[in-house]
Full PDB file with SEQRES, HELIX, SHEET, SSBOND, CRYST1, ORIGX, SCALE, CONECT and MASTER records, all heavy atoms in Angstrom:
SEQRES   1 A   30  VAL VAL SER GLY GLU MET LEU GLU ALA ALA VAL GLU ALA          
SEQRES   2 A   30  ILE ILE LYS ALA ALA HIS THR GLY LYS ILE GLY ASP GLY          
SEQRES   3 A   30  LYS ILE PHE VAL                                              
HELIX    1 AA1 GLY A    4  MET A    6  5                                   3    
HELIX    2 AA2 LEU A    7  ALA A   18  1                                  12    
CRYST1    1.000    1.000    1.000  90.00  90.00  90.00 P 1           1          
ORIGX1      1.000000  0.000000  0.000000        0.00000                         
ORIGX2      0.000000  1.000000  0.000000        0.00000                         
ORIGX3      0.000000  0.000000  1.000000        0.00000                         
SCALE1      1.000000  0.000000  0.000000        0.00000                         
SCALE2      0.000000  1.000000  0.000000        0.00000                         
SCALE3      0.000000  0.000000  1.000000        0.00000                         
ATOM      1  N   VAL A   1       0.869  -1.179   0.003  1.00  0.00           N  
ATOM      2  CA  VAL A   1      -0.005  -0.003   0.005  1.00  0.00           C  
ATOM      3  C   VAL A   1       0.899   1.225   0.002  1.00  0.00           C  
ATOM      4  O   VAL A   1       1.824   1.335   0.816  1.00  0.00           O  
ATOM      5  CB  VAL A   1      -0.945   0.013   1.221  1.00  0.00           C  
ATOM      6  CG1 VAL A   1      -1.784   1.275   1.253  1.00  0.00           C  
ATOM      7  CG2 VAL A   1      -1.840  -1.214   1.203  1.00  0.00           C  
ATOM      8  N   VAL A   2       0.638   2.128  -0.937  1.00  0.00           N  
ATOM      9  CA  VAL A   2       1.463   3.347  -1.076  1.00  0.00           C  
ATOM     10  C   VAL A   2       0.567   4.567  -1.145  1.00  0.00           C  
ATOM     11  O   VAL A   2      -0.620   4.478  -1.431  1.00  0.00           O  
ATOM     12  CB  VAL A   2       2.347   3.286  -2.348  1.00  0.00           C  
ATOM     13  CG1 VAL A   2       3.325   2.128  -2.273  1.00  0.00           C  
ATOM     14  CG2 VAL A   2       1.513   3.179  -3.601  1.00  0.00           C  
ATOM     15  N   SER A   3       1.177   5.731  -0.912  1.00  0.00           N  
ATOM     16  CA  SER A   3       0.442   6.982  -1.074  1.00  0.00           C  
ATOM     17  C   SER A   3       0.218   7.222  -2.563  1.00  0.00           C  
ATOM     18  O   SER A   3       0.924   6.667  -3.404  1.00  0.00           O  
ATOM     19  CB  SER A   3       1.215   8.137  -0.456  1.00  0.00           C  
ATOM     20  OG  SER A   3       2.464   8.270  -1.083  1.00  0.00           O  
ATOM     21  N   GLY A   4      -0.749   8.045  -2.888  1.00  0.00           N  
ATOM     22  CA  GLY A   4      -1.091   8.302  -4.282  1.00  0.00           C  
ATOM     23  C   GLY A   4       0.065   8.802  -5.115  1.00  0.00           C  
ATOM     24  O   GLY A   4       0.228   8.417  -6.279  1.00  0.00           O  
ATOM     25  N   GLU A   5       0.928   9.645  -4.544  1.00  0.00           N  
ATOM     26  CA  GLU A   5       2.054  10.194  -5.311  1.00  0.00           C  
ATOM     27  C   GLU A   5       3.165   9.184  -5.540  1.00  0.00           C  
ATOM     28  O   GLU A   5       4.001   9.366  -6.412  1.00  0.00           O  
ATOM     29  CB  GLU A   5       2.599  11.478  -4.664  1.00  0.00           C  
ATOM     30  CG  GLU A   5       3.070  11.345  -3.238  1.00  0.00           C  
ATOM     31  CD  GLU A   5       1.992  11.662  -2.216  1.00  0.00           C  
ATOM     32  OE1 GLU A   5       0.826  11.846  -2.569  1.00  0.00           O  
ATOM     33  OE2 GLU A   5       2.357  11.688  -1.016  1.00  0.00           O  
ATOM     34  N   MET A   6       3.187   8.103  -4.765  1.00  0.00           N  
ATOM     35  CA  MET A   6       4.215   7.067  -4.936  1.00  0.00           C  
ATOM     36  C   MET A   6       3.781   5.971  -5.909  1.00  0.00           C  
ATOM     37  O   MET A   6       4.570   5.113  -6.282  1.00  0.00           O  
ATOM     38  CB  MET A   6       4.546   6.418  -3.591  1.00  0.00           C  
ATOM     39  CG  MET A   6       5.339   7.286  -2.643  1.00  0.00           C  
ATOM     40  SD  MET A   6       6.987   7.643  -3.283  1.00  0.00           S  
ATOM     41  CE  MET A   6       7.712   6.029  -3.336  1.00  0.00           C  
ATOM     42  N   LEU A   7       2.522   5.984  -6.329  1.00  0.00           N  
ATOM     43  CA  LEU A   7       1.959   4.894  -7.127  1.00  0.00           C  
ATOM     44  C   LEU A   7       2.738   4.634  -8.402  1.00  0.00           C  
ATOM     45  O   LEU A   7       3.177   3.515  -8.658  1.00  0.00           O  
ATOM     46  CB  LEU A   7       0.492   5.170  -7.443  1.00  0.00           C  
ATOM     47  CG  LEU A   7      -0.186   4.135  -8.339  1.00  0.00           C  
ATOM     48  CD1 LEU A   7      -0.228   2.781  -7.650  1.00  0.00           C  
ATOM     49  CD2 LEU A   7      -1.568   4.590  -8.734  1.00  0.00           C  
ATOM     50  N   GLU A   8       2.924   5.653  -9.237  1.00  0.00           N  
ATOM     51  CA  GLU A   8       3.563   5.465 -10.539  1.00  0.00           C  
ATOM     52  C   GLU A   8       4.991   4.946 -10.382  1.00  0.00           C  
ATOM     53  O   GLU A   8       5.416   4.049 -11.100  1.00  0.00           O  
ATOM     54  CB  GLU A   8       3.532   6.749 -11.353  1.00  0.00           C  
ATOM     55  CG  GLU A   8       2.148   7.134 -11.835  1.00  0.00           C  
ATOM     56  CD  GLU A   8       1.479   6.046 -12.668  1.00  0.00           C  
ATOM     57  OE1 GLU A   8       2.154   5.424 -13.516  1.00  0.00           O  
ATOM     58  OE2 GLU A   8       0.288   5.808 -12.459  1.00  0.00           O  
ATOM     59  N   ALA A   9       5.736   5.498  -9.429  1.00  0.00           N  
ATOM     60  CA  ALA A   9       7.121   5.070  -9.222  1.00  0.00           C  
ATOM     61  C   ALA A   9       7.175   3.616  -8.768  1.00  0.00           C  
ATOM     62  O   ALA A   9       8.024   2.843  -9.221  1.00  0.00           O  
ATOM     63  CB  ALA A   9       7.807   5.973  -8.200  1.00  0.00           C  
ATOM     64  N   ALA A  10       6.255   3.237  -7.880  1.00  0.00           N  
ATOM     65  CA  ALA A  10       6.222   1.865  -7.371  1.00  0.00           C  
ATOM     66  C   ALA A  10       5.870   0.884  -8.481  1.00  0.00           C  
ATOM     67  O   ALA A  10       6.500  -0.180  -8.616  1.00  0.00           O  
ATOM     68  CB  ALA A  10       5.248   1.740  -6.208  1.00  0.00           C  
ATOM     69  N   VAL A  11       4.879   1.218  -9.296  1.00  0.00           N  
ATOM     70  CA  VAL A  11       4.465   0.337 -10.388  1.00  0.00           C  
ATOM     71  C   VAL A  11       5.611   0.188 -11.393  1.00  0.00           C  
ATOM     72  O   VAL A  11       5.922  -0.925 -11.839  1.00  0.00           O  
ATOM     73  CB  VAL A  11       3.180   0.864 -11.069  1.00  0.00           C  
ATOM     74  CG1 VAL A  11       2.916   0.142 -12.378  1.00  0.00           C  
ATOM     75  CG2 VAL A  11       1.988   0.705 -10.135  1.00  0.00           C  
ATOM     76  N   GLU A  12       6.261   1.279 -11.741  1.00  0.00           N  
ATOM     77  CA  GLU A  12       7.394   1.221 -12.676  1.00  0.00           C  
ATOM     78  C   GLU A  12       8.529   0.368 -12.126  1.00  0.00           C  
ATOM     79  O   GLU A  12       9.157  -0.410 -12.853  1.00  0.00           O  
ATOM     80  CB  GLU A  12       7.906   2.627 -13.001  1.00  0.00           C  
ATOM     81  CG  GLU A  12       7.031   3.369 -13.971  1.00  0.00           C  
ATOM     82  CD  GLU A  12       6.908   2.674 -15.318  1.00  0.00           C  
ATOM     83  OE1 GLU A  12       7.924   2.210 -15.870  1.00  0.00           O  
ATOM     84  OE2 GLU A  12       5.768   2.573 -15.811  1.00  0.00           O  
ATOM     85  N   ALA A  13       8.805   0.499 -10.832  1.00  0.00           N  
ATOM     86  CA  ALA A  13       9.868  -0.298 -10.194  1.00  0.00           C  
ATOM     87  C   ALA A  13       9.546  -1.789 -10.263  1.00  0.00           C  
ATOM     88  O   ALA A  13      10.426  -2.606 -10.551  1.00  0.00           O  
ATOM     89  CB  ALA A  13      10.068   0.151  -8.750  1.00  0.00           C  
ATOM     90  N   ILE A  14       8.299  -2.142 -10.020  1.00  0.00           N  
ATOM     91  CA  ILE A  14       7.888  -3.543 -10.076  1.00  0.00           C  
ATOM     92  C   ILE A  14       8.013  -4.072 -11.508  1.00  0.00           C  
ATOM     93  O   ILE A  14       8.531  -5.167 -11.736  1.00  0.00           O  
ATOM     94  CB  ILE A  14       6.454  -3.737  -9.542  1.00  0.00           C  
ATOM     95  CG1 ILE A  14       6.413  -3.430  -8.054  1.00  0.00           C  
ATOM     96  CG2 ILE A  14       5.959  -5.146  -9.823  1.00  0.00           C  
ATOM     97  CD1 ILE A  14       5.009  -3.342  -7.474  1.00  0.00           C  
ATOM     98  N   ILE A  15       7.554  -3.285 -12.480  1.00  0.00           N  
ATOM     99  CA  ILE A  15       7.634  -3.716 -13.878  1.00  0.00           C  
ATOM    100  C   ILE A  15       9.078  -3.961 -14.290  1.00  0.00           C  
ATOM    101  O   ILE A  15       9.398  -5.002 -14.878  1.00  0.00           O  
ATOM    102  CB  ILE A  15       6.972  -2.677 -14.809  1.00  0.00           C  
ATOM    103  CG1 ILE A  15       5.458  -2.668 -14.605  1.00  0.00           C  
ATOM    104  CG2 ILE A  15       7.310  -2.962 -16.271  1.00  0.00           C  
ATOM    105  CD1 ILE A  15       4.740  -1.524 -15.297  1.00  0.00           C  
ATOM    106  N   LYS A  16       9.965  -3.039 -13.967  1.00  0.00           N  
ATOM    107  CA  LYS A  16      11.374  -3.192 -14.348  1.00  0.00           C  
ATOM    108  C   LYS A  16      12.015  -4.394 -13.669  1.00  0.00           C  
ATOM    109  O   LYS A  16      12.782  -5.132 -14.280  1.00  0.00           O  
ATOM    110  CB  LYS A  16      12.163  -1.922 -14.012  1.00  0.00           C  
ATOM    111  CG  LYS A  16      11.904  -0.797 -14.963  1.00  0.00           C  
ATOM    112  CD  LYS A  16      12.732   0.424 -14.606  1.00  0.00           C  
ATOM    113  CE  LYS A  16      12.399   1.583 -15.533  1.00  0.00           C  
ATOM    114  NZ  LYS A  16      13.095   2.808 -15.121  1.00  0.00           N  
ATOM    115  N   ALA A  17      11.701  -4.605 -12.389  1.00  0.00           N  
ATOM    116  CA  ALA A  17      12.325  -5.690 -11.640  1.00  0.00           C  
ATOM    117  C   ALA A  17      11.776  -7.060 -12.011  1.00  0.00           C  
ATOM    118  O   ALA A  17      12.514  -8.039 -12.007  1.00  0.00           O  
ATOM    119  CB  ALA A  17      12.157  -5.449 -10.139  1.00  0.00           C  
ATOM    120  N   ALA A  18      10.488  -7.146 -12.359  1.00  0.00           N  
ATOM    121  CA  ALA A  18       9.852  -8.443 -12.614  1.00  0.00           C  
ATOM    122  C   ALA A  18       9.894  -8.852 -14.077  1.00  0.00           C  
ATOM    123  O   ALA A  18       9.595  -9.991 -14.413  1.00  0.00           O  
ATOM    124  CB  ALA A  18       8.418  -8.424 -12.127  1.00  0.00           C  
ATOM    125  N   HIS A  19      10.287  -7.955 -14.953  1.00  0.00           N  
ATOM    126  CA  HIS A  19      10.246  -8.210 -16.401  1.00  0.00           C  
ATOM    127  C   HIS A  19      11.322  -9.206 -16.844  1.00  0.00           C  
ATOM    128  O   HIS A  19      12.489  -9.047 -16.499  1.00  0.00           O  
ATOM    129  CB  HIS A  19      10.419  -6.897 -17.157  1.00  0.00           C  
ATOM    130  CG  HIS A  19      10.434  -7.059 -18.645  1.00  0.00           C  
ATOM    131  ND1 HIS A  19       9.279  -7.219 -19.367  1.00  0.00           N  
ATOM    132  CD2 HIS A  19      11.447  -7.116 -19.527  1.00  0.00           C  
ATOM    133  CE1 HIS A  19       9.597  -7.351 -20.648  1.00  0.00           C  
ATOM    134  NE2 HIS A  19      10.918  -7.297 -20.779  1.00  0.00           N  
ATOM    135  N   THR A  20      10.902 -10.226 -17.594  1.00  0.00           N  
ATOM    136  CA  THR A  20      11.868 -11.141 -18.230  1.00  0.00           C  
ATOM    137  C   THR A  20      11.683 -11.139 -19.740  1.00  0.00           C  
ATOM    138  O   THR A  20      12.557 -11.573 -20.469  1.00  0.00           O  
ATOM    139  CB  THR A  20      11.690 -12.604 -17.744  1.00  0.00           C  
ATOM    140  OG1 THR A  20      10.422 -13.092 -18.190  1.00  0.00           O  
ATOM    141  CG2 THR A  20      11.815 -12.722 -16.246  1.00  0.00           C  
ATOM    142  N   GLY A  21      10.511 -10.675 -20.200  1.00  0.00           N  
ATOM    143  CA  GLY A  21      10.208 -10.678 -21.627  1.00  0.00           C  
ATOM    144  C   GLY A  21       9.609 -11.989 -22.105  1.00  0.00           C  
ATOM    145  O   GLY A  21       9.301 -12.140 -23.271  1.00  0.00           O  
ATOM    146  N   LYS A  22       9.437 -12.929 -21.182  1.00  0.00           N  
ATOM    147  CA  LYS A  22       8.864 -14.225 -21.543  1.00  0.00           C  
ATOM    148  C   LYS A  22       7.442 -14.318 -21.030  1.00  0.00           C  
ATOM    149  O   LYS A  22       7.049 -13.600 -20.118  1.00  0.00           O  
ATOM    150  CB  LYS A  22       9.717 -15.352 -20.957  1.00  0.00           C  
ATOM    151  CG  LYS A  22      11.128 -15.373 -21.510  1.00  0.00           C  
ATOM    152  CD  LYS A  22      11.846 -16.632 -21.091  1.00  0.00           C  
ATOM    153  CE  LYS A  22      13.170 -16.710 -21.823  1.00  0.00           C  
ATOM    154  NZ  LYS A  22      14.301 -16.352 -21.017  1.00  0.00           N  
ATOM    155  N   ILE A  23       6.683 -15.242 -21.596  1.00  0.00           N  
ATOM    156  CA  ILE A  23       5.304 -15.445 -21.176  1.00  0.00           C  
ATOM    157  C   ILE A  23       5.286 -15.827 -19.695  1.00  0.00           C  
ATOM    158  O   ILE A  23       6.151 -16.528 -19.204  1.00  0.00           O  
ATOM    159  CB  ILE A  23       4.612 -16.504 -22.063  1.00  0.00           C  
ATOM    160  CG1 ILE A  23       3.125 -16.496 -21.838  1.00  0.00           C  
ATOM    161  CG2 ILE A  23       5.213 -17.878 -21.847  1.00  0.00           C  
ATOM    162  CD1 ILE A  23       2.351 -17.236 -22.918  1.00  0.00           C  
ATOM    163  N   GLY A  24       4.279 -15.324 -18.973  1.00  0.00           N  
ATOM    164  CA  GLY A  24       4.145 -15.644 -17.553  1.00  0.00           C  
ATOM    165  C   GLY A  24       4.838 -14.662 -16.628  1.00  0.00           C  
ATOM    166  O   GLY A  24       4.992 -14.952 -15.441  1.00  0.00           O  
ATOM    167  N   ASP A  25       5.228 -13.479 -17.126  1.00  0.00           N  
ATOM    168  CA  ASP A  25       5.865 -12.478 -16.265  1.00  0.00           C  
ATOM    169  C   ASP A  25       4.942 -12.009 -15.156  1.00  0.00           C  
ATOM    170  O   ASP A  25       5.417 -11.623 -14.096  1.00  0.00           O  
ATOM    171  CB  ASP A  25       6.317 -11.276 -17.080  1.00  0.00           C  
ATOM    172  CG  ASP A  25       7.726 -11.427 -17.623  1.00  0.00           C  
ATOM    173  OD1 ASP A  25       8.388 -12.432 -17.278  1.00  0.00           O  
ATOM    174  OD2 ASP A  25       8.172 -10.552 -18.391  1.00  0.00           O  
ATOM    175  N   GLY A  26       3.636 -12.033 -15.375  1.00  0.00           N  
ATOM    176  CA  GLY A  26       2.702 -11.688 -14.308  1.00  0.00           C  
ATOM    177  C   GLY A  26       1.825 -10.505 -14.631  1.00  0.00           C  
ATOM    178  O   GLY A  26       1.791 -10.013 -15.761  1.00  0.00           O  
ATOM    179  N   LYS A  27       1.142 -10.030 -13.602  1.00  0.00           N  
ATOM    180  CA  LYS A  27       0.225  -8.901 -13.729  1.00  0.00           C  
ATOM    181  C   LYS A  27       0.321  -8.024 -12.498  1.00  0.00           C  
ATOM    182  O   LYS A  27       0.729  -8.472 -11.422  1.00  0.00           O  
ATOM    183  CB  LYS A  27      -1.212  -9.392 -13.870  1.00  0.00           C  
ATOM    184  CG  LYS A  27      -1.518 -10.024 -15.195  1.00  0.00           C  
ATOM    185  CD  LYS A  27      -2.989  -9.897 -15.523  1.00  0.00           C  
ATOM    186  CE  LYS A  27      -3.285 -10.342 -16.928  1.00  0.00           C  
ATOM    187  NZ  LYS A  27      -3.002 -11.715 -17.229  1.00  0.00           N  
ATOM    188  N   ILE A  28      -0.092  -6.755 -12.670  1.00  0.00           N  
ATOM    189  CA  ILE A  28      -0.172  -5.811 -11.558  1.00  0.00           C  
ATOM    190  C   ILE A  28      -1.601  -5.294 -11.496  1.00  0.00           C  
ATOM    191  O   ILE A  28      -2.162  -4.869 -12.508  1.00  0.00           O  
ATOM    192  CB  ILE A  28       0.818  -4.653 -11.744  1.00  0.00           C  
ATOM    193  CG1 ILE A  28       2.255  -5.183 -11.746  1.00  0.00           C  
ATOM    194  CG2 ILE A  28       0.629  -3.609 -10.641  1.00  0.00           C  
ATOM    195  CD1 ILE A  28       3.303  -4.135 -12.065  1.00  0.00           C  
ATOM    196  N   PHE A  29      -2.170  -5.320 -10.298  1.00  0.00           N  
ATOM    197  CA  PHE A  29      -3.517  -4.801 -10.062  1.00  0.00           C  
ATOM    198  C   PHE A  29      -3.409  -3.636  -9.090  1.00  0.00           C  
ATOM    199  O   PHE A  29      -2.714  -3.737  -8.080  1.00  0.00           O  
ATOM    200  CB  PHE A  29      -4.431  -5.880  -9.458  1.00  0.00           C  
ATOM    201  CG  PHE A  29      -4.504  -7.126 -10.284  1.00  0.00           C  
ATOM    202  CD1 PHE A  29      -3.665  -8.203 -10.023  1.00  0.00           C  
ATOM    203  CD2 PHE A  29      -5.398  -7.232 -11.335  1.00  0.00           C  
ATOM    204  CE1 PHE A  29      -3.724  -9.362 -10.778  1.00  0.00           C  
ATOM    205  CE2 PHE A  29      -5.470  -8.392 -12.105  1.00  0.00           C  
ATOM    206  CZ  PHE A  29      -4.630  -9.448 -11.827  1.00  0.00           C  
ATOM    207  N   VAL A  30      -4.114  -2.537  -9.372  1.00  0.00           N  
ATOM    208  CA  VAL A  30      -4.090  -1.366  -8.502  1.00  0.00           C  
ATOM    209  C   VAL A  30      -5.524  -1.080  -8.062  1.00  0.00           C  
ATOM    210  O   VAL A  30      -6.430  -1.041  -8.888  1.00  0.00           O  
ATOM    211  CB  VAL A  30      -3.517  -0.129  -9.226  1.00  0.00           C  
ATOM    212  CG1 VAL A  30      -3.547   1.090  -8.324  1.00  0.00           C  
ATOM    213  CG2 VAL A  30      -2.094  -0.401  -9.706  1.00  0.00           C  
TER     214      VAL A  30                                                      
MASTER        0    0    0    2    0    0    0    6  213    1    0    3          
END                                                                             
């Protein structure tokens, strides 16, 4: 759980860290 102003940075950080480019990388729900 993050404050509204931290949302975009947190989502971007998760995408960059979890990305492999292969099927099954996952999903993010907000």
